Amino acid sequence: IADMREKRYEDEGIGSSYMFRVDHDTIIDATKCGN
């Protein structure tokens, strides 16, 4: 899902994505719903 969103953010013109890897399987995406 992170790979799909990263490409979508680029297509939408969002210059920065805020993704933080927790472990091998989990990533926290704060691009549109973070603090």
PDB file of all heavy atoms in Angstrom:
ATOM      1  N   ILE A   1       0.837  -1.202   0.000  1.00  0.00           N
ATOM      2  CA  ILE A   1       0.000   0.000   0.000  1.00  0.00           C
ATOM      3  C   ILE A   1       0.874   1.256   0.000  1.00  0.00           C
ATOM      4  O   ILE A   1       0.557   2.251  -0.654  1.00  0.00           O
ATOM      5  CB  ILE A   1      -0.939   0.003   1.215  1.00  0.00           C
ATOM      6  CG1 ILE A   1      -1.790  -1.268   1.240  1.00  0.00           C
ATOM      7  CG2 ILE A   1      -1.816   1.236   1.218  1.00  0.00           C
ATOM      8  CD1 ILE A   1      -2.666  -1.438   0.023  1.00  0.00           C
ATOM      9  N   ALA A   2       1.996   1.200   0.723  1.00  0.00           N
ATOM     10  CA  ALA A   2       2.899   2.353   0.783  1.00  0.00           C
ATOM     11  C   ALA A   2       3.461   2.672  -0.603  1.00  0.00           C
ATOM     12  O   ALA A   2       3.551   3.852  -0.996  1.00  0.00           O
ATOM     13  CB  ALA A   2       4.033   2.074   1.765  1.00  0.00           C
ATOM     14  N   ASP A   3       3.830   1.641  -1.361  1.00  0.00           N
ATOM     15  CA  ASP A   3       4.355   1.863  -2.716  1.00  0.00           C
ATOM     16  C   ASP A   3       3.290   2.503  -3.614  1.00  0.00           C
ATOM     17  O   ASP A   3       3.582   3.413  -4.397  1.00  0.00           O
ATOM     18  CB  ASP A   3       4.820   0.533  -3.314  1.00  0.00           C
ATOM     19  CG  ASP A   3       6.027  -0.033  -2.578  1.00  0.00           C
ATOM     20  OD1 ASP A   3       6.736   0.751  -1.920  1.00  0.00           O
ATOM     21  OD2 ASP A   3       6.249  -1.257  -2.653  1.00  0.00           O
ATOM     22  N   MET A   4       2.046   2.024  -3.500  1.00  0.00           N
ATOM     23  CA  MET A   4       0.951   2.566  -4.316  1.00  0.00           C
ATOM     24  C   MET A   4       0.681   4.025  -3.946  1.00  0.00           C
ATOM     25  O   MET A   4       0.498   4.878  -4.811  1.00  0.00           O
ATOM     26  CB  MET A   4      -0.311   1.728  -4.113  1.00  0.00           C
ATOM     27  CG  MET A   4      -0.207   0.305  -4.642  1.00  0.00           C
ATOM     28  SD  MET A   4      -1.638  -0.712  -4.189  1.00  0.00           S
ATOM     29  CE  MET A   4      -2.986   0.247  -4.852  1.00  0.00           C
ATOM     30  N   ARG A   5       0.677   4.305  -2.654  1.00  0.00           N
ATOM     31  CA  ARG A   5       0.388   5.675  -2.215  1.00  0.00           C
ATOM     32  C   ARG A   5       1.506   6.643  -2.607  1.00  0.00           C
ATOM     33  O   ARG A   5       1.241   7.787  -2.978  1.00  0.00           O
ATOM     34  CB  ARG A   5       0.193   5.703  -0.693  1.00  0.00           C
ATOM     35  CG  ARG A   5      -1.118   5.107  -0.238  1.00  0.00           C
ATOM     36  CD  ARG A   5      -1.358   5.399   1.228  1.00  0.00           C
ATOM     37  NE  ARG A   5      -2.622   4.856   1.683  1.00  0.00           N
ATOM     38  CZ  ARG A   5      -3.119   5.031   2.909  1.00  0.00           C
ATOM     39  NH1 ARG A   5      -2.424   5.736   3.802  1.00  0.00           N
ATOM     40  NH2 ARG A   5      -4.287   4.515   3.250  1.00  0.00           N
ATOM     41  N   GLU A   6       2.743   6.165  -2.540  1.00  0.00           N
ATOM     42  CA  GLU A   6       3.867   7.031  -2.895  1.00  0.00           C
ATOM     43  C   GLU A   6       3.763   7.479  -4.343  1.00  0.00           C
ATOM     44  O   GLU A   6       3.988   8.657  -4.667  1.00  0.00           O
ATOM     45  CB  GLU A   6       5.186   6.303  -2.649  1.00  0.00           C
ATOM     46  CG  GLU A   6       6.396   7.218  -2.709  1.00  0.00           C
ATOM     47  CD  GLU A   6       7.656   6.536  -2.220  1.00  0.00           C
ATOM     48  OE1 GLU A   6       7.630   5.310  -1.978  1.00  0.00           O
ATOM     49  OE2 GLU A   6       8.673   7.240  -2.073  1.00  0.00           O
ATOM     50  N   LYS A   7       3.380   6.562  -5.214  1.00  0.00           N
ATOM     51  CA  LYS A   7       3.211   6.910  -6.636  1.00  0.00           C
ATOM     52  C   LYS A   7       2.025   7.855  -6.816  1.00  0.00           C
ATOM     53  O   LYS A   7       2.083   8.802  -7.600  1.00  0.00           O
ATOM     54  CB  LYS A   7       3.004   5.639  -7.458  1.00  0.00           C
ATOM     55  CG  LYS A   7       2.958   5.893  -8.957  1.00  0.00           C
ATOM     56  CD  LYS A   7       2.802   4.605  -9.728  1.00  0.00           C
ATOM     57  CE  LYS A   7       2.865   4.859 -11.230  1.00  0.00           C
ATOM     58  NZ  LYS A   7       1.911   5.889 -11.689  1.00  0.00           N
ATOM     59  N   ARG A   8       0.935   7.588  -6.061  1.00  0.00           N
ATOM     60  CA  ARG A   8      -0.244   8.444  -6.180  1.00  0.00           C
ATOM     61  C   ARG A   8       0.040   9.860  -5.686  1.00  0.00           C
ATOM     62  O   ARG A   8      -0.418  10.831  -6.271  1.00  0.00           O
ATOM     63  CB  ARG A   8      -1.409   7.838  -5.387  1.00  0.00           C
ATOM     64  CG  ARG A   8      -2.732   8.545  -5.650  1.00  0.00           C
ATOM     65  CD  ARG A   8      -3.883   7.836  -4.987  1.00  0.00           C
ATOM     66  NE  ARG A   8      -3.882   8.077  -3.549  1.00  0.00           N
ATOM     67  CZ  ARG A   8      -4.107   7.137  -2.642  1.00  0.00           C
ATOM     68  NH1 ARG A   8      -4.284   5.885  -3.014  1.00  0.00           N
ATOM     69  NH2 ARG A   8      -4.134   7.440  -1.364  1.00  0.00           N
ATOM     70  N   TYR A   9       0.817   9.965  -4.611  1.00  0.00           N
ATOM     71  CA  TYR A   9       1.169  11.286  -4.089  1.00  0.00           C
ATOM     72  C   TYR A   9       1.979  12.076  -5.113  1.00  0.00           C
ATOM     73  O   TYR A   9       1.798  13.294  -5.271  1.00  0.00           O
ATOM     74  CB  TYR A   9       1.967  11.150  -2.785  1.00  0.00           C
ATOM     75  CG  TYR A   9       1.165  10.602  -1.629  1.00  0.00           C
ATOM     76  CD1 TYR A   9       1.787   9.918  -0.588  1.00  0.00           C
ATOM     77  CD2 TYR A   9      -0.221  10.750  -1.570  1.00  0.00           C
ATOM     78  CE1 TYR A   9       1.063   9.416   0.488  1.00  0.00           C
ATOM     79  CE2 TYR A   9      -0.950  10.247  -0.508  1.00  0.00           C
ATOM     80  CZ  TYR A   9      -0.307   9.577   0.522  1.00  0.00           C
ATOM     81  OH  TYR A   9      -1.025   9.083   1.560  1.00  0.00           O
ATOM     82  N   GLU A  10       2.866  11.384  -5.836  1.00  0.00           N
ATOM     83  CA  GLU A  10       3.653  12.049  -6.884  1.00  0.00           C
ATOM     84  C   GLU A  10       2.746  12.545  -8.002  1.00  0.00           C
ATOM     85  O   GLU A  10       2.907  13.661  -8.491  1.00  0.00           O
ATOM     86  CB  GLU A  10       4.704  11.092  -7.432  1.00  0.00           C
ATOM     87  CG  GLU A  10       5.818  10.762  -6.448  1.00  0.00           C
ATOM     88  CD  GLU A  10       6.822   9.787  -7.021  1.00  0.00           C
ATOM     89  OE1 GLU A  10       6.626   9.358  -8.193  1.00  0.00           O
ATOM     90  OE2 GLU A  10       7.788   9.441  -6.317  1.00  0.00           O
ATOM     91  N   ASP A  11       1.756  11.712  -8.386  1.00  0.00           N
ATOM     92  CA  ASP A  11       0.825  12.097  -9.450  1.00  0.00           C
ATOM     93  C   ASP A  11      -0.048  13.268  -9.015  1.00  0.00           C
ATOM     94  O   ASP A  11      -0.453  14.098  -9.842  1.00  0.00           O
ATOM     95  CB  ASP A  11      -0.064  10.906  -9.840  1.00  0.00           C
ATOM     96  CG  ASP A  11       0.740   9.764 -10.462  1.00  0.00           C
ATOM     97  OD1 ASP A  11       1.861  10.036 -10.942  1.00  0.00           O
ATOM     98  OD2 ASP A  11       0.259   8.611 -10.435  1.00  0.00           O
ATOM     99  N   GLU A  12      -0.355  13.360  -7.724  1.00  0.00           N
ATOM    100  CA  GLU A  12      -1.199  14.438  -7.201  1.00  0.00           C
ATOM    101  C   GLU A  12      -0.405  15.723  -6.967  1.00  0.00           C
ATOM    102  O   GLU A  12      -0.980  16.751  -6.607  1.00  0.00           O
ATOM    103  CB  GLU A  12      -1.872  14.006  -5.896  1.00  0.00           C
ATOM    104  CG  GLU A  12      -2.894  12.892  -6.085  1.00  0.00           C
ATOM    105  CD  GLU A  12      -3.462  12.421  -4.755  1.00  0.00           C
ATOM    106  OE1 GLU A  12      -2.971  12.889  -3.688  1.00  0.00           O
ATOM    107  OE2 GLU A  12      -4.393  11.597  -4.753  1.00  0.00           O
ATOM    108  N   GLY A  13       0.905  15.655  -7.138  1.00  0.00           N
ATOM    109  CA  GLY A  13       1.730  16.837  -6.958  1.00  0.00           C
ATOM    110  C   GLY A  13       2.143  17.098  -5.533  1.00  0.00           C
ATOM    111  O   GLY A  13       2.594  18.199  -5.199  1.00  0.00           O
ATOM    112  N   ILE A  14       1.989  16.101  -4.686  1.00  0.00           N
ATOM    113  CA  ILE A  14       2.423  16.238  -3.291  1.00  0.00           C
ATOM    114  C   ILE A  14       3.924  15.996  -3.243  1.00  0.00           C
ATOM    115  O   ILE A  14       4.396  14.880  -3.458  1.00  0.00           O
ATOM    116  CB  ILE A  14       1.678  15.249  -2.374  1.00  0.00           C
ATOM    117  CG1 ILE A  14       0.183  15.514  -2.439  1.00  0.00           C
ATOM    118  CG2 ILE A  14       2.187  15.357  -0.937  1.00  0.00           C
ATOM    119  CD1 ILE A  14      -0.652  14.546  -1.626  1.00  0.00           C
ATOM    120  N   GLY A  15       4.681  17.040  -2.990  1.00  0.00           N
ATOM    121  CA  GLY A  15       6.135  16.948  -3.063  1.00  0.00           C
ATOM    122  C   GLY A  15       6.739  16.068  -1.986  1.00  0.00           C
ATOM    123  O   GLY A  15       7.742  15.394  -2.211  1.00  0.00           O
ATOM    124  N   SER A  16       6.132  16.079  -0.804  1.00  0.00           N
ATOM    125  CA  SER A  16       6.697  15.314   0.307  1.00  0.00           C
ATOM    126  C   SER A  16       5.676  14.303   0.810  1.00  0.00           C
ATOM    127  O   SER A  16       4.500  14.637   0.986  1.00  0.00           O
ATOM    128  CB  SER A  16       7.099  16.246   1.456  1.00  0.00           C
ATOM    129  OG  SER A  16       8.069  17.175   1.029  1.00  0.00           O
ATOM    130  N   SER A  17       6.111  13.100   1.008  1.00  0.00           N
ATOM    131  CA  SER A  17       5.274  12.100   1.668  1.00  0.00           C
ATOM    132  C   SER A  17       5.878  11.826   3.032  1.00  0.00           C
ATOM    133  O   SER A  17       7.101  11.830   3.187  1.00  0.00           O
ATOM    134  CB  SER A  17       5.193  10.812   0.844  1.00  0.00           C
ATOM    135  OG  SER A  17       6.467  10.211   0.737  1.00  0.00           O
ATOM    136  N   TYR A  18       5.043  11.628   4.007  1.00  0.00           N
ATOM    137  CA  TYR A  18       5.509  11.454   5.382  1.00  0.00           C
ATOM    138  C   TYR A  18       5.262  10.014   5.813  1.00  0.00           C
ATOM    139  O   TYR A  18       4.263   9.724   6.468  1.00  0.00           O
ATOM    140  CB  TYR A  18       4.799  12.441   6.296  1.00  0.00           C
ATOM    141  CG  TYR A  18       4.983  13.882   5.879  1.00  0.00           C
ATOM    142  CD1 TYR A  18       4.088  14.486   4.991  1.00  0.00           C
ATOM    143  CD2 TYR A  18       6.056  14.637   6.342  1.00  0.00           C
ATOM    144  CE1 TYR A  18       4.263  15.809   4.597  1.00  0.00           C
ATOM    145  CE2 TYR A  18       6.234  15.958   5.952  1.00  0.00           C
ATOM    146  CZ  TYR A  18       5.328  16.531   5.084  1.00  0.00           C
ATOM    147  OH  TYR A  18       5.498  17.836   4.694  1.00  0.00           O
ATOM    148  N   MET A  19       6.166   9.133   5.407  1.00  0.00           N
ATOM    149  CA  MET A  19       6.051   7.720   5.745  1.00  0.00           C
ATOM    150  C   MET A  19       7.207   7.303   6.633  1.00  0.00           C
ATOM    151  O   MET A  19       8.364   7.608   6.338  1.00  0.00           O
ATOM    152  CB  MET A  19       6.005   6.858   4.485  1.00  0.00           C
ATOM    153  CG  MET A  19       4.796   7.114   3.612  1.00  0.00           C
ATOM    154  SD  MET A  19       4.628   5.891   2.297  1.00  0.00           S
ATOM    155  CE  MET A  19       3.203   6.536   1.414  1.00  0.00           C
ATOM    156  N   PHE A  20       6.877   6.614   7.710  1.00  0.00           N
ATOM    157  CA  PHE A  20       7.882   6.196   8.694  1.00  0.00           C
ATOM    158  C   PHE A  20       7.773   4.681   8.859  1.00  0.00           C
ATOM    159  O   PHE A  20       6.729   4.167   9.227  1.00  0.00           O
ATOM    160  CB  PHE A  20       7.625   6.888  10.035  1.00  0.00           C
ATOM    161  CG  PHE A  20       8.842   6.963  10.911  1.00  0.00           C
ATOM    162  CD1 PHE A  20       9.270   8.178  11.398  1.00  0.00           C
ATOM    163  CD2 PHE A  20       9.544   5.823  11.268  1.00  0.00           C
ATOM    164  CE1 PHE A  20      10.391   8.265  12.220  1.00  0.00           C
ATOM    165  CE2 PHE A  20      10.665   5.892  12.066  1.00  0.00           C
ATOM    166  CZ  PHE A  20      11.085   7.117  12.548  1.00  0.00           C
ATOM    167  N   ARG A  21       8.875   3.980   8.568  1.00  0.00           N
ATOM    168  CA  ARG A  21       8.857   2.522   8.672  1.00  0.00           C
ATOM    169  C   ARG A  21       8.965   2.088  10.128  1.00  0.00           C
ATOM    170  O   ARG A  21       9.869   2.500  10.851  1.00  0.00           O
ATOM    171  CB  ARG A  21      10.008   1.913   7.866  1.00  0.00           C
ATOM    172  CG  ARG A  21      10.080   0.388   7.932  1.00  0.00           C
ATOM    173  CD  ARG A  21      11.155  -0.168   7.025  1.00  0.00           C
ATOM    174  NE  ARG A  21      10.846   0.107   5.639  1.00  0.00           N
ATOM    175  CZ  ARG A  21      10.005  -0.621   4.907  1.00  0.00           C
ATOM    176  NH1 ARG A  21       9.370  -1.662   5.462  1.00  0.00           N
ATOM    177  NH2 ARG A  21       9.778  -0.309   3.649  1.00  0.00           N
ATOM    178  N   VAL A  22       8.022   1.226  10.542  1.00  0.00           N
ATOM    179  CA  VAL A  22       8.027   0.672  11.895  1.00  0.00           C
ATOM    180  C   VAL A  22       8.847  -0.612  11.934  1.00  0.00           C
ATOM    181  O   VAL A  22       9.718  -0.790  12.774  1.00  0.00           O
ATOM    182  CB  VAL A  22       6.588   0.395  12.386  1.00  0.00           C
ATOM    183  CG1 VAL A  22       6.597  -0.188  13.796  1.00  0.00           C
ATOM    184  CG2 VAL A  22       5.755   1.667  12.351  1.00  0.00           C
ATOM    185  N   ASP A  23       8.556  -1.510  11.007  1.00  0.00           N
ATOM    186  CA  ASP A  23       9.303  -2.763  10.882  1.00  0.00           C
ATOM    187  C   ASP A  23       9.253  -3.197   9.423  1.00  0.00           C
ATOM    188  O   ASP A  23       8.893  -2.406   8.541  1.00  0.00           O
ATOM    189  CB  ASP A  23       8.750  -3.843  11.824  1.00  0.00           C
ATOM    190  CG  ASP A  23       7.254  -4.051  11.674  1.00  0.00           C
ATOM    191  OD1 ASP A  23       6.746  -3.866  10.545  1.00  0.00           O
ATOM    192  OD2 ASP A  23       6.585  -4.376  12.665  1.00  0.00           O
ATOM    193  N   HIS A  24       9.579  -4.461   9.163  1.00  0.00           N
ATOM    194  CA  HIS A  24       9.651  -4.959   7.789  1.00  0.00           C
ATOM    195  C   HIS A  24       8.297  -4.899   7.098  1.00  0.00           C
ATOM    196  O   HIS A  24       8.223  -4.690   5.873  1.00  0.00           O
ATOM    197  CB  HIS A  24      10.176  -6.401   7.787  1.00  0.00           C
ATOM    198  CG  HIS A  24      10.301  -6.979   6.408  1.00  0.00           C
ATOM    199  ND1 HIS A  24      11.271  -6.577   5.513  1.00  0.00           N
ATOM    200  CD2 HIS A  24       9.545  -7.930   5.768  1.00  0.00           C
ATOM    201  CE1 HIS A  24      11.130  -7.241   4.388  1.00  0.00           C
ATOM    202  NE2 HIS A  24      10.095  -8.067   4.507  1.00  0.00           N
ATOM    203  N   ASP A  25       7.203  -5.072   7.846  1.00  0.00           N
ATOM    204  CA  ASP A  25       5.877  -5.175   7.237  1.00  0.00           C
ATOM    205  C   ASP A  25       5.000  -3.936   7.433  1.00  0.00           C
ATOM    206  O   ASP A  25       4.001  -3.782   6.732  1.00  0.00           O
ATOM    207  CB  ASP A  25       5.125  -6.389   7.813  1.00  0.00           C
ATOM    208  CG  ASP A  25       5.862  -7.692   7.555  1.00  0.00           C
ATOM    209  OD1 ASP A  25       6.377  -7.851   6.436  1.00  0.00           O
ATOM    210  OD2 ASP A  25       5.921  -8.530   8.469  1.00  0.00           O
ATOM    211  N   THR A  26       5.339  -3.078   8.363  1.00  0.00           N
ATOM    212  CA  THR A  26       4.443  -1.979   8.732  1.00  0.00           C
ATOM    213  C   THR A  26       5.086  -0.618   8.514  1.00  0.00           C
ATOM    214  O   THR A  26       6.253  -0.419   8.856  1.00  0.00           O
ATOM    215  CB  THR A  26       4.007  -2.104  10.207  1.00  0.00           C
ATOM    216  OG1 THR A  26       3.497  -3.419  10.440  1.00  0.00           O
ATOM    217  CG2 THR A  26       2.934  -1.081  10.539  1.00  0.00           C
ATOM    218  N   ILE A  27       4.313   0.297   7.952  1.00  0.00           N
ATOM    219  CA  ILE A  27       4.745   1.674   7.722  1.00  0.00           C
ATOM    220  C   ILE A  27       3.642   2.608   8.218  1.00  0.00           C
ATOM    221  O   ILE A  27       2.448   2.333   8.028  1.00  0.00           O
ATOM    222  CB  ILE A  27       5.009   1.938   6.228  1.00  0.00           C
ATOM    223  CG1 ILE A  27       6.218   1.108   5.761  1.00  0.00           C
ATOM    224  CG2 ILE A  27       5.249   3.418   5.958  1.00  0.00           C
ATOM    225  CD1 ILE A  27       6.454   1.155   4.273  1.00  0.00           C
ATOM    226  N   ILE A  28       4.035   3.691   8.869  1.00  0.00           N
ATOM    227  CA  ILE A  28       3.074   4.700   9.309  1.00  0.00           C
ATOM    228  C   ILE A  28       3.060   5.831   8.287  1.00  0.00           C
ATOM    229  O   ILE A  28       4.083   6.465   8.042  1.00  0.00           O
ATOM    230  CB  ILE A  28       3.429   5.254  10.705  1.00  0.00           C
ATOM    231  CG1 ILE A  28       3.283   4.155  11.763  1.00  0.00           C
ATOM    232  CG2 ILE A  28       2.536   6.441  11.054  1.00  0.00           C
ATOM    233  CD1 ILE A  28       3.606   4.616  13.166  1.00  0.00           C
ATOM    234  N   ASP A  29       1.893   6.059   7.698  1.00  0.00           N
ATOM    235  CA  ASP A  29       1.735   7.112   6.704  1.00  0.00           C
ATOM    236  C   ASP A  29       1.028   8.300   7.356  1.00  0.00           C
ATOM    237  O   ASP A  29      -0.148   8.231   7.703  1.00  0.00           O
ATOM    238  CB  ASP A  29       0.915   6.597   5.517  1.00  0.00           C
ATOM    239  CG  ASP A  29       0.754   7.652   4.430  1.00  0.00           C
ATOM    240  OD1 ASP A  29       1.432   8.695   4.520  1.00  0.00           O
ATOM    241  OD2 ASP A  29      -0.041   7.420   3.498  1.00  0.00           O
ATOM    242  N   ALA A  30       1.765   9.404   7.497  1.00  0.00           N
ATOM    243  CA  ALA A  30       1.205  10.611   8.114  1.00  0.00           C
ATOM    244  C   ALA A  30       1.012  11.723   7.096  1.00  0.00           C
ATOM    245  O   ALA A  30       0.844  12.881   7.462  1.00  0.00           O
ATOM    246  CB  ALA A  30       2.124  11.087   9.236  1.00  0.00           C
ATOM    247  N   THR A  31       1.002  11.376   5.806  1.00  0.00           N
ATOM    248  CA  THR A  31       0.925  12.390   4.754  1.00  0.00           C
ATOM    249  C   THR A  31      -0.370  13.187   4.823  1.00  0.00           C
ATOM    250  O   THR A  31      -0.371  14.417   4.729  1.00  0.00           O
ATOM    251  CB  THR A  31       1.045  11.727   3.369  1.00  0.00           C
ATOM    252  OG1 THR A  31       2.240  10.938   3.328  1.00  0.00           O
ATOM    253  CG2 THR A  31       1.098  12.785   2.273  1.00  0.00           C
ATOM    254  N   LYS A  32      -1.495  12.499   5.000  1.00  0.00           N
ATOM    255  CA  LYS A  32      -2.791  13.172   5.001  1.00  0.00           C
ATOM    256  C   LYS A  32      -3.529  13.062   6.333  1.00  0.00           C
ATOM    257  O   LYS A  32      -4.566  13.721   6.500  1.00  0.00           O
ATOM    258  CB  LYS A  32      -3.674  12.607   3.881  1.00  0.00           C
ATOM    259  CG  LYS A  32      -3.165  12.926   2.485  1.00  0.00           C
ATOM    260  CD  LYS A  32      -4.153  12.500   1.425  1.00  0.00           C
ATOM    261  CE  LYS A  32      -3.693  12.920   0.030  1.00  0.00           C
ATOM    262  NZ  LYS A  32      -4.674  12.533  -1.019  1.00  0.00           N
ATOM    263  N   CYS A  33      -3.051  12.255   7.240  1.00  0.00           N
ATOM    264  CA  CYS A  33      -3.731  12.120   8.545  1.00  0.00           C
ATOM    265  C   CYS A  33      -2.688  11.900   9.629  1.00  0.00           C
ATOM    266  O   CYS A  33      -2.582  10.815  10.192  1.00  0.00           O
ATOM    267  CB  CYS A  33      -4.759  11.001   8.527  1.00  0.00           C
ATOM    268  SG  CYS A  33      -4.107   9.402   8.048  1.00  0.00           S
ATOM    269  N   GLY A  34      -1.912  12.926   9.896  1.00  0.00           N
ATOM    270  CA  GLY A  34      -0.880  12.828  10.927  1.00  0.00           C
ATOM    271  C   GLY A  34      -0.980  13.978  11.906  1.00  0.00           C
ATOM    272  O   GLY A  34      -1.936  14.750  11.891  1.00  0.00           O
ATOM    273  N   ASN A  35       0.017  14.097  12.754  1.00  0.00           N
ATOM    274  CA  ASN A  35       0.068  15.201  13.713  1.00  0.00           C
ATOM    275  C   ASN A  35       1.314  16.039  13.460  1.00  0.00           C
ATOM    276  O   ASN A  35       1.969  15.921  12.415  1.00  0.00           O
ATOM    277  CB  ASN A  35       0.026  14.674  15.152  1.00  0.00           C
ATOM    278  CG  ASN A  35       1.224  13.799  15.476  1.00  0.00           C
ATOM    279  OD1 ASN A  35       2.007  13.425  14.597  1.00  0.00           O
ATOM    280  ND2 ASN A  35       1.384  13.451  16.740  1.00  0.00           N
TER     281      ASN A  35
END
